[in-house]
Amino acid sequence: MPEEVLFKSESKHSRAEIAAYFQDIATKLEAGDPVTLSAGSDSITLEVPANPTFEVKAERETSKGGSNPELSIEFELEWKEGDETGEDSSLSIE
């Protein structure tokens, strides 16, 4: 399935700044409010359904030379447009 990137932003931030972004998103999700993402002149507002699929992934990416692997944690909310259902699962983040 082709992918269309509607919004993308990538820049370095302190852990405290990143935590503030997560807190802002958490507040909106909990309230059922739309989430607006903006950077520069780019902006998108999304209505997150009540039960989206939540994906958490930890990765290690190694370059061909094998030195200094890059680690990442990815958090993704996913849903089909117009779909209010999602899969049930247990997840613990400590």
Protein backbone atom coordinates (compact mmCIF):
# COMPACT_ATOMS: atom_id res chain seq x y z
CA MET A 1 0.00 0.00 0.00
CA PRO A 2 1.49 3.38 -0.97
CA GLU A 3 2.30 5.72 1.88
CA GLU A 4 1.56 9.45 1.76
CA VAL A 5 3.44 11.50 4.35
CA LEU A 6 1.04 14.17 5.60
CA PHE A 7 3.44 15.75 8.10
CA LYS A 8 7.03 15.17 9.19
CA SER A 9 9.31 16.93 11.63
CA GLU A 10 12.69 15.76 12.86
CA SER A 11 14.94 17.81 15.13
CA LYS A 12 16.95 17.47 18.33
CA HIS A 13 15.27 18.37 21.63
CA SER A 14 16.06 17.90 25.30
CA ARG A 15 14.38 15.03 27.15
CA ALA A 16 12.31 17.60 29.05
CA GLU A 17 11.07 19.19 25.80
CA ILE A 18 10.17 15.78 24.37
CA ALA A 19 8.33 14.89 27.60
CA ALA A 20 6.35 18.13 27.26
CA TYR A 21 5.28 17.14 23.72
CA PHE A 22 4.14 13.73 25.01
CA GLN A 23 2.26 15.42 27.87
CA ASP A 24 0.48 17.76 25.46
CA ILE A 25 -0.52 14.84 23.23
CA ALA A 26 -1.61 12.76 26.25
CA THR A 27 -3.83 15.60 27.48
CA LYS A 28 -5.50 15.90 24.06
CA LEU A 29 -5.96 12.13 23.71
CA GLU A 30 -7.46 11.84 27.19
CA ALA A 31 -9.89 14.69 26.49
CA GLY A 32 -10.83 13.35 23.04
CA ASP A 33 -9.62 16.57 21.42
CA PRO A 34 -8.08 16.73 17.94
CA VAL A 35 -4.27 16.70 17.75
CA THR A 36 -2.65 19.44 15.70
CA LEU A 37 0.93 19.02 14.53
CA SER A 38 2.75 22.06 13.19
CA ALA A 39 6.29 23.03 12.24
CA GLY A 40 7.02 26.18 10.30
CA SER A 41 4.32 26.59 7.66
CA ASP A 42 3.33 22.89 7.75
CA SER A 43 0.34 21.92 9.88
CA ILE A 44 -2.18 19.08 10.15
CA THR A 45 -5.04 18.39 12.56
CA LEU A 46 -6.10 14.79 13.19
CA GLU A 47 -9.15 13.42 14.96
CA VAL A 48 -7.80 10.37 16.82
CA PRO A 49 -10.53 7.74 17.31
CA ALA A 50 -11.35 6.35 20.75
CA ASN A 51 -9.48 3.08 20.14
CA PRO A 52 -6.54 3.47 17.75
CA THR A 53 -3.84 0.80 17.48
CA PHE A 54 -0.81 1.78 19.59
CA GLU A 55 2.53 0.45 18.39
CA VAL A 56 5.76 0.72 20.39
CA LYS A 57 9.00 -0.39 18.78
CA ALA A 58 12.63 -0.34 19.97
CA GLU A 59 15.24 -0.73 17.25
CA ARG A 60 19.00 -0.90 16.78
CA GLU A 61 20.18 0.12 13.32
CA THR A 62 23.75 -0.74 12.42
CA SER A 63 25.57 0.88 9.53
CA LYS A 64 27.53 -1.18 7.03
CA GLY A 65 30.74 -0.38 8.92
CA GLY A 66 29.15 -1.69 12.11
CA SER A 67 30.33 1.13 14.37
CA ASN A 68 28.10 3.34 16.51
CA PRO A 69 24.71 1.68 16.04
CA GLU A 70 21.71 4.00 16.19
CA LEU A 71 19.05 3.18 18.79
CA SER A 72 15.47 4.37 18.59
CA ILE A 73 12.13 4.12 20.33
CA GLU A 74 9.15 4.66 18.06
CA PHE A 75 5.60 5.36 19.23
CA GLU A 76 2.83 5.15 16.65
CA LEU A 77 -0.93 5.59 16.75
CA GLU A 78 -2.60 4.01 13.77
CA TRP A 79 -6.19 3.73 12.53
CA LYS A 80 -8.16 3.43 9.34
CA GLU A 81 -10.02 6.56 8.36
CA GLY A 82 -13.55 6.32 9.72
CA ASP A 83 -12.74 3.27 11.91
CA GLU A 84 -13.37 3.55 15.64
CA THR A 85 -12.13 0.07 16.62
CA GLY A 86 -8.72 -1.17 17.64
CA GLU A 87 -7.00 -4.28 18.90
CA ASP A 88 -6.84 -5.01 22.63
CA SER A 89 -3.41 -5.73 24.06
CA SER A 90 -1.51 -5.30 27.28
CA LEU A 91 1.50 -3.02 27.27
CA SER A 92 3.64 -1.83 30.15
CA ILE A 93 6.02 1.11 29.90
CA GLU A 94 8.25 1.53 32.93
